[in-house]
């Protein structure tokens, strides 16, 4: 057999090498958003329980509220990232598609009311006593409105959250999308930061307990 007659070594087809989705791609963003959403659902359920008897559980109410702040910021950031990438023409995000129209219209109200709710709650701890009446009214009113839009928001994204929220935490599925370690780090860091923030803030509840 001459050199020219040697059989060619079969080369694998190009499509056989499947590249994992990028760590900042649409699928990665969806995983981060859903994982953070699951964390928020658990913490918000506890916070909602304290609302039922907020006078007797004010310390726990403030602790959980401050613990929620960093994860809420992560959720807002990941949602804004998807919004920005989609409307800036990112092919990957365009192919994934936007949320349903109703949820897109509701999204800005969810974000705005969330910011007002948490900002007013934090202000109540540190602002002068003379301002507390107005801020407390804003906090209570924003909570009522926020609860309504959040209920719709959660129901609208419930299936996606259930499907994606644990994929970065299971060995079999986390390797399928690049950056799972980075996303887990973001979530655990947000919770650690929230715990530190809550521990530092809880002593500010003292004046409220004394006044009561």
C-alpha atoms as a PDB file:
ATOM      1  CA  UNK A   1       0.000   0.000   0.000  1.00  0.00           C
ATOM      2  CA  UNK A   2       1.439   3.330  -1.030  1.00  0.00           C
ATOM      3  CA  UNK A   3       1.301   6.500   0.989  1.00  0.00           C
ATOM      4  CA  UNK A   4      -1.450   7.854  -1.229  1.00  0.00           C
ATOM      5  CA  UNK A   5      -3.519   4.707  -0.707  1.00  0.00           C
ATOM      6  CA  UNK A   6      -3.635   4.869   3.106  1.00  0.00           C
ATOM      7  CA  UNK A   7      -7.206   5.052   4.393  1.00  0.00           C
ATOM      8  CA  UNK A   8      -8.231   8.423   5.751  1.00  0.00           C
ATOM      9  CA  UNK A   9      -8.943   8.686   9.442  1.00  0.00           C
ATOM     10  CA  UNK A  10     -12.589   9.506   9.907  1.00  0.00           C
ATOM     11  CA  UNK A  11     -13.077  12.963  11.358  1.00  0.00           C
ATOM     12  CA  UNK A  12     -16.026  13.610  13.697  1.00  0.00           C
ATOM     13  CA  UNK A  13     -18.671  15.893  12.232  1.00  0.00           C
ATOM     14  CA  UNK A  14     -18.425  19.478  13.316  1.00  0.00           C
ATOM     15  CA  UNK A  15     -21.772  19.381  15.057  1.00  0.00           C
ATOM     16  CA  UNK A  16     -20.583  16.510  17.304  1.00  0.00           C
ATOM     17  CA  UNK A  17     -18.705  18.995  19.449  1.00  0.00           C
ATOM     18  CA  UNK A  18     -21.420  20.787  21.345  1.00  0.00           C
ATOM     19  CA  UNK A  19     -20.301  23.954  22.973  1.00  0.00           C
ATOM     20  CA  UNK A  20     -21.763  24.747  26.364  1.00  0.00           C
ATOM     21  CA  UNK A  21     -23.845  27.924  26.633  1.00  0.00           C
ATOM     22  CA  UNK A  22     -21.757  30.891  27.760  1.00  0.00           C
ATOM     23  CA  UNK A  23     -21.588  31.970  31.397  1.00  0.00           C
ATOM     24  CA  UNK A  24     -23.187  35.330  30.570  1.00  0.00           C
ATOM     25  CA  UNK A  25     -25.581  33.980  27.969  1.00  0.00           C
ATOM     26  CA  UNK A  26     -29.348  33.755  28.056  1.00  0.00           C
ATOM     27  CA  UNK A  27     -29.466  30.296  29.642  1.00  0.00           C
ATOM     28  CA  UNK A  28     -26.930  31.273  32.310  1.00  0.00           C
ATOM     29  CA  UNK A  29     -28.898  34.422  33.094  1.00  0.00           C
ATOM     30  CA  UNK A  30     -32.121  32.417  33.365  1.00  0.00           C
ATOM     31  CA  UNK A  31     -30.490  30.035  35.833  1.00  0.00           C
ATOM     32  CA  UNK A  32     -29.173  32.856  38.009  1.00  0.00           C
ATOM     33  CA  UNK A  33     -32.546  34.605  37.977  1.00  0.00           C
ATOM     34  CA  UNK A  34     -34.463  31.440  38.858  1.00  0.00           C
ATOM     35  CA  UNK A  35     -32.054  30.352  41.615  1.00  0.00           C
ATOM     36  CA  UNK A  36     -32.250  33.798  43.187  1.00  0.00           C
ATOM     37  CA  UNK A  37     -36.034  33.773  42.829  1.00  0.00           C
ATOM     38  CA  UNK A  38     -36.243  30.510  44.795  1.00  0.00           C
ATOM     39  CA  UNK A  39     -34.140  31.990  47.601  1.00  0.00           C
ATOM     40  CA  UNK A  40     -36.362  35.069  47.647  1.00  0.00           C
ATOM     41  CA  UNK A  41     -39.555  33.000  47.742  1.00  0.00           C
ATOM     42  CA  UNK A  42     -38.380  31.191  50.878  1.00  0.00           C
ATOM     43  CA  UNK A  43     -37.228  34.352  52.648  1.00  0.00           C
ATOM     44  CA  UNK A  44     -40.310  36.332  51.612  1.00  0.00           C
ATOM     45  CA  UNK A  45     -42.533  33.559  53.002  1.00  0.00           C
ATOM     46  CA  UNK A  46     -40.834  33.991  56.383  1.00  0.00           C
ATOM     47  CA  UNK A  47     -41.082  37.777  56.105  1.00  0.00           C
ATOM     48  CA  UNK A  48     -44.759  37.483  55.230  1.00  0.00           C
ATOM     49  CA  UNK A  49     -45.311  35.436  58.388  1.00  0.00           C
ATOM     50  CA  UNK A  50     -43.784  38.207  60.506  1.00  0.00           C
ATOM     51  CA  UNK A  51     -46.155  40.749  58.902  1.00  0.00           C
ATOM     52  CA  UNK A  52     -49.104  38.911  60.477  1.00  0.00           C
ATOM     53  CA  UNK A  53     -47.809  39.883  63.939  1.00  0.00           C
ATOM     54  CA  UNK A  54     -45.263  42.547  63.149  1.00  0.00           C
ATOM     55  CA  UNK A  55     -45.508  44.257  66.545  1.00  0.00           C
ATOM     56  CA  UNK A  56     -44.414  41.143  68.413  1.00  0.00           C
ATOM     57  CA  UNK A  57     -41.940  40.017  65.737  1.00  0.00           C
ATOM     58  CA  UNK A  58     -40.469  43.365  64.747  1.00  0.00           C
ATOM     59  CA  UNK A  59     -36.864  42.273  65.326  1.00  0.00           C
ATOM     60  CA  UNK A  60     -37.278  39.203  63.116  1.00  0.00           C
ATOM     61  CA  UNK A  61     -39.151  41.311  60.551  1.00  0.00           C
ATOM     62  CA  UNK A  62     -36.242  43.738  60.282  1.00  0.00           C
ATOM     63  CA  UNK A  63     -33.637  40.950  60.305  1.00  0.00           C
ATOM     64  CA  UNK A  64     -35.245  39.086  57.397  1.00  0.00           C
ATOM     65  CA  UNK A  65     -35.932  42.355  55.577  1.00  0.00           C
ATOM     66  CA  UNK A  66     -32.272  43.340  55.659  1.00  0.00           C
ATOM     67  CA  UNK A  67     -31.180  39.798  54.798  1.00  0.00           C
ATOM     68  CA  UNK A  68     -33.326  40.101  51.676  1.00  0.00           C
ATOM     69  CA  UNK A  69     -31.653  43.268  50.378  1.00  0.00           C
ATOM     70  CA  UNK A  70     -28.580  41.755  48.610  1.00  0.00           C
ATOM     71  CA  UNK A  71     -30.524  38.867  46.965  1.00  0.00           C
ATOM     72  CA  UNK A  72     -33.142  41.378  45.800  1.00  0.00           C
ATOM     73  CA  UNK A  73     -30.383  43.458  44.211  1.00  0.00           C
ATOM     74  CA  UNK A  74     -29.051  40.347  42.444  1.00  0.00           C
ATOM     75  CA  UNK A  75     -32.526  39.564  41.120  1.00  0.00           C
ATOM     76  CA  UNK A  76     -33.035  43.130  39.882  1.00  0.00           C
ATOM     77  CA  UNK A  77     -29.593  43.111  38.245  1.00  0.00           C
ATOM     78  CA  UNK A  78     -30.133  39.800  36.446  1.00  0.00           C
ATOM     79  CA  UNK A  79     -33.562  40.911  35.231  1.00  0.00           C
ATOM     80  CA  UNK A  80     -32.195  44.235  33.985  1.00  0.00           C
ATOM     81  CA  UNK A  81     -29.347  42.394  32.231  1.00  0.00           C
ATOM     82  CA  UNK A  82     -31.842  40.274  30.287  1.00  0.00           C
ATOM     83  CA  UNK A  83     -33.873  43.373  29.449  1.00  0.00           C
ATOM     84  CA  UNK A  84     -30.796  45.270  28.247  1.00  0.00           C
ATOM     85  CA  UNK A  85     -29.409  42.383  26.193  1.00  0.00           C
ATOM     86  CA  UNK A  86     -32.750  41.673  24.534  1.00  0.00           C
ATOM     87  CA  UNK A  87     -33.477  45.256  23.539  1.00  0.00           C
ATOM     88  CA  UNK A  88     -29.883  45.900  22.482  1.00  0.00           C
ATOM     89  CA  UNK A  89     -30.311  43.167  19.872  1.00  0.00           C
ATOM     90  CA  UNK A  90     -28.338  40.264  21.357  1.00  0.00           C
ATOM     91  CA  UNK A  91     -28.970  37.310  19.054  1.00  0.00           C
ATOM     92  CA  UNK A  92     -28.955  34.742  21.857  1.00  0.00           C
ATOM     93  CA  UNK A  93     -31.434  36.672  23.979  1.00  0.00           C
ATOM     94  CA  UNK A  94     -33.590  37.394  20.929  1.00  0.00           C
ATOM     95  CA  UNK A  95     -33.749  33.683  20.128  1.00  0.00           C
ATOM     96  CA  UNK A  96     -34.774  32.889  23.698  1.00  0.00           C
ATOM     97  CA  UNK A  97     -37.541  35.461  23.384  1.00  0.00           C
ATOM     98  CA  UNK A  98     -39.122  37.856  25.892  1.00  0.00           C
ATOM     99  CA  UNK A  99     -41.511  36.980  28.722  1.00  0.00           C
ATOM    100  CA  UNK A 100     -45.252  37.095  27.957  1.00  0.00           C
ATOM    101  CA  UNK A 101     -46.608  40.586  27.263  1.00  0.00           C
ATOM    102  CA  UNK A 102     -48.510  40.799  30.571  1.00  0.00           C
ATOM    103  CA  UNK A 103     -45.363  40.005  32.573  1.00  0.00           C
ATOM    104  CA  UNK A 104     -43.308  42.486  30.536  1.00  0.00           C
ATOM    105  CA  UNK A 105     -45.818  45.237  31.287  1.00  0.00           C
ATOM    106  CA  UNK A 106     -45.900  44.274  34.955  1.00  0.00           C
ATOM    107  CA  UNK A 107     -42.114  44.059  35.330  1.00  0.00           C
ATOM    108  CA  UNK A 108     -41.373  47.795  35.797  1.00  0.00           C
ATOM    109  CA  UNK A 109     -44.063  48.055  38.484  1.00  0.00           C
ATOM    110  CA  UNK A 110     -42.624  45.044  40.319  1.00  0.00           C
ATOM    111  CA  UNK A 111     -39.150  46.595  40.271  1.00  0.00           C
ATOM    112  CA  UNK A 112     -40.330  50.079  41.282  1.00  0.00           C
ATOM    113  CA  UNK A 113     -42.566  48.878  44.121  1.00  0.00           C
ATOM    114  CA  UNK A 114     -39.818  46.571  45.383  1.00  0.00           C
ATOM    115  CA  UNK A 115     -37.394  49.493  45.566  1.00  0.00           C
ATOM    116  CA  UNK A 116     -39.943  51.727  47.315  1.00  0.00           C
ATOM    117  CA  UNK A 117     -40.894  48.976  49.772  1.00  0.00           C
ATOM    118  CA  UNK A 118     -37.336  48.207  50.855  1.00  0.00           C
ATOM    119  CA  UNK A 119     -36.111  51.810  50.764  1.00  0.00           C
ATOM    120  CA  UNK A 120     -38.976  53.003  52.959  1.00  0.00           C
ATOM    121  CA  UNK A 121     -38.405  50.142  55.396  1.00  0.00           C
ATOM    122  CA  UNK A 122     -34.724  51.020  55.745  1.00  0.00           C
ATOM    123  CA  UNK A 123     -35.501  54.727  56.134  1.00  0.00           C
ATOM    124  CA  UNK A 124     -37.861  53.933  59.017  1.00  0.00           C
ATOM    125  CA  UNK A 125     -34.928  52.617  61.011  1.00  0.00           C
ATOM    126  CA  UNK A 126     -32.684  55.636  60.651  1.00  0.00           C
ATOM    127  CA  UNK A 127     -34.732  58.745  59.847  1.00  0.00           C
ATOM    128  CA  UNK A 128     -35.880  61.351  62.426  1.00  0.00           C
ATOM    129  CA  UNK A 129     -38.953  60.428  64.444  1.00  0.00           C
ATOM    130  CA  UNK A 130     -40.878  63.374  62.976  1.00  0.00           C
ATOM    131  CA  UNK A 131     -40.744  61.829  59.493  1.00  0.00           C
ATOM    132  CA  UNK A 132     -41.786  58.322  60.443  1.00  0.00           C
ATOM    133  CA  UNK A 133     -45.520  58.826  59.948  1.00  0.00           C
ATOM    134  CA  UNK A 134     -45.185  59.627  56.244  1.00  0.00           C
ATOM    135  CA  UNK A 135     -42.544  56.964  55.618  1.00  0.00           C
ATOM    136  CA  UNK A 136     -44.560  54.311  57.453  1.00  0.00           C
ATOM    137  CA  UNK A 137     -47.588  55.132  55.314  1.00  0.00           C
ATOM    138  CA  UNK A 138     -45.459  54.792  52.165  1.00  0.00           C
ATOM    139  CA  UNK A 139     -44.067  51.492  53.439  1.00  0.00           C
ATOM    140  CA  UNK A 140     -47.514  50.059  54.162  1.00  0.00           C
ATOM    141  CA  UNK A 141     -49.097  51.317  50.941  1.00  0.00           C
ATOM    142  CA  UNK A 142     -46.234  50.056  48.788  1.00  0.00           C
ATOM    143  CA  UNK A 143     -46.492  46.662  50.482  1.00  0.00           C
ATOM    144  CA  UNK A 144     -50.177  46.302  49.559  1.00  0.00           C
ATOM    145  CA  UNK A 145     -49.507  47.210  45.930  1.00  0.00           C
ATOM    146  CA  UNK A 146     -46.305  45.178  45.807  1.00  0.00           C
ATOM    147  CA  UNK A 147     -48.042  42.079  47.152  1.00  0.00           C
ATOM    148  CA  UNK A 148     -50.633  42.232  44.381  1.00  0.00           C
ATOM    149  CA  UNK A 149     -48.206  42.597  41.476  1.00  0.00           C
ATOM    150  CA  UNK A 150     -45.729  40.159  43.020  1.00  0.00           C
ATOM    151  CA  UNK A 151     -48.367  37.443  43.270  1.00  0.00           C
ATOM    152  CA  UNK A 152     -49.004  37.726  39.528  1.00  0.00           C
ATOM    153  CA  UNK A 153     -45.270  37.912  38.816  1.00  0.00           C
ATOM    154  CA  UNK A 154     -44.531  34.753  40.830  1.00  0.00           C
ATOM    155  CA  UNK A 155     -47.357  32.773  39.243  1.00  0.00           C
ATOM    156  CA  UNK A 156     -46.254  33.875  35.781  1.00  0.00           C
ATOM    157  CA  UNK A 157     -42.676  32.667  36.322  1.00  0.00           C
ATOM    158  CA  UNK A 158     -43.461  29.664  38.537  1.00  0.00           C
ATOM    159  CA  UNK A 159     -42.854  27.019  35.862  1.00  0.00           C
ATOM    160  CA  UNK A 160     -39.528  28.540  34.782  1.00  0.00           C
ATOM    161  CA  UNK A 161     -38.393  28.876  38.394  1.00  0.00           C
ATOM    162  CA  UNK A 162     -39.302  25.267  39.143  1.00  0.00           C
ATOM    163  CA  UNK A 163     -37.428  24.026  36.057  1.00  0.00           C
ATOM    164  CA  UNK A 164     -34.230  26.064  36.402  1.00  0.00           C
ATOM    165  CA  UNK A 165     -33.729  27.079  40.038  1.00  0.00           C
ATOM    166  CA  UNK A 166     -31.835  23.940  41.139  1.00  0.00           C
ATOM    167  CA  UNK A 167     -29.893  23.139  37.947  1.00  0.00           C
ATOM    168  CA  UNK A 168     -26.745  24.971  39.065  1.00  0.00           C
ATOM    169  CA  UNK A 169     -26.774  23.065  42.362  1.00  0.00           C
ATOM    170  CA  UNK A 170     -27.011  19.514  40.962  1.00  0.00           C
ATOM    171  CA  UNK A 171     -23.795  18.002  39.603  1.00  0.00           C
ATOM    172  CA  UNK A 172     -25.491  16.310  36.634  1.00  0.00           C
ATOM    173  CA  UNK A 173     -27.044  19.507  35.265  1.00  0.00           C
ATOM    174  CA  UNK A 174     -24.728  22.298  36.388  1.00  0.00           C
ATOM    175  CA  UNK A 175     -21.966  21.318  33.946  1.00  0.00           C
ATOM    176  CA  UNK A 176     -24.225  21.896  30.952  1.00  0.00           C
ATOM    177  CA  UNK A 177     -23.999  25.690  31.200  1.00  0.00           C
ATOM    178  CA  UNK A 178     -20.678  27.433  31.785  1.00  0.00           C
ATOM    179  CA  UNK A 179     -20.224  29.552  34.916  1.00  0.00           C
ATOM    180  CA  UNK A 180     -22.280  27.577  37.439  1.00  0.00           C
ATOM    181  CA  UNK A 181     -19.598  28.057  40.105  1.00  0.00           C
ATOM    182  CA  UNK A 182     -19.691  31.815  39.514  1.00  0.00           C
ATOM    183  CA  UNK A 183     -23.500  31.895  39.800  1.00  0.00           C
ATOM    184  CA  UNK A 184     -23.485  29.861  42.995  1.00  0.00           C
ATOM    185  CA  UNK A 185     -20.859  32.212  44.396  1.00  0.00           C
ATOM    186  CA  UNK A 186     -23.008  35.256  43.580  1.00  0.00           C
ATOM    187  CA  UNK A 187     -25.987  33.796  45.432  1.00  0.00           C
ATOM    188  CA  UNK A 188     -24.049  32.593  48.489  1.00  0.00           C
ATOM    189  CA  UNK A 189     -22.199  35.908  48.690  1.00  0.00           C
ATOM    190  CA  UNK A 190     -25.482  37.820  48.562  1.00  0.00           C
ATOM    191  CA  UNK A 191     -26.842  35.729  51.440  1.00  0.00           C
ATOM    192  CA  UNK A 192     -23.667  36.164  53.479  1.00  0.00           C
ATOM    193  CA  UNK A 193     -23.756  39.916  52.866  1.00  0.00           C
ATOM    194  CA  UNK A 194     -27.418  39.941  53.850  1.00  0.00           C
ATOM    195  CA  UNK A 195     -26.666  38.185  57.123  1.00  0.00           C
ATOM    196  CA  UNK A 196     -23.953  40.711  57.957  1.00  0.00           C
ATOM    197  CA  UNK A 197     -26.207  43.601  57.014  1.00  0.00           C
ATOM    198  CA  UNK A 198     -29.032  42.206  59.144  1.00  0.00           C
ATOM    199  CA  UNK A 199     -26.751  41.677  62.146  1.00  0.00           C
ATOM    200  CA  UNK A 200     -25.485  45.259  61.934  1.00  0.00           C
ATOM    201  CA  UNK A 201     -28.979  46.720  61.491  1.00  0.00           C
ATOM    202  CA  UNK A 202     -30.959  44.825  64.140  1.00  0.00           C
ATOM    203  CA  UNK A 203     -29.722  47.027  67.044  1.00  0.00           C
ATOM    204  CA  UNK A 204     -31.533  49.942  65.337  1.00  0.00           C
ATOM    205  CA  UNK A 205     -34.839  48.249  66.211  1.00  0.00           C
ATOM    206  CA  UNK A 206     -34.286  49.169  69.880  1.00  0.00           C
ATOM    207  CA  UNK A 207     -35.833  52.666  69.717  1.00  0.00           C
ATOM    208  CA  UNK A 208     -38.941  51.251  68.013  1.00  0.00           C
ATOM    209  CA  UNK A 209     -39.335  48.639  70.755  1.00  0.00           C
ATOM    210  CA  UNK A 210     -38.868  51.271  73.445  1.00  0.00           C
ATOM    211  CA  UNK A 211     -41.436  53.562  71.835  1.00  0.00           C
ATOM    212  CA  UNK A 212     -43.928  50.730  71.580  1.00  0.00           C
END
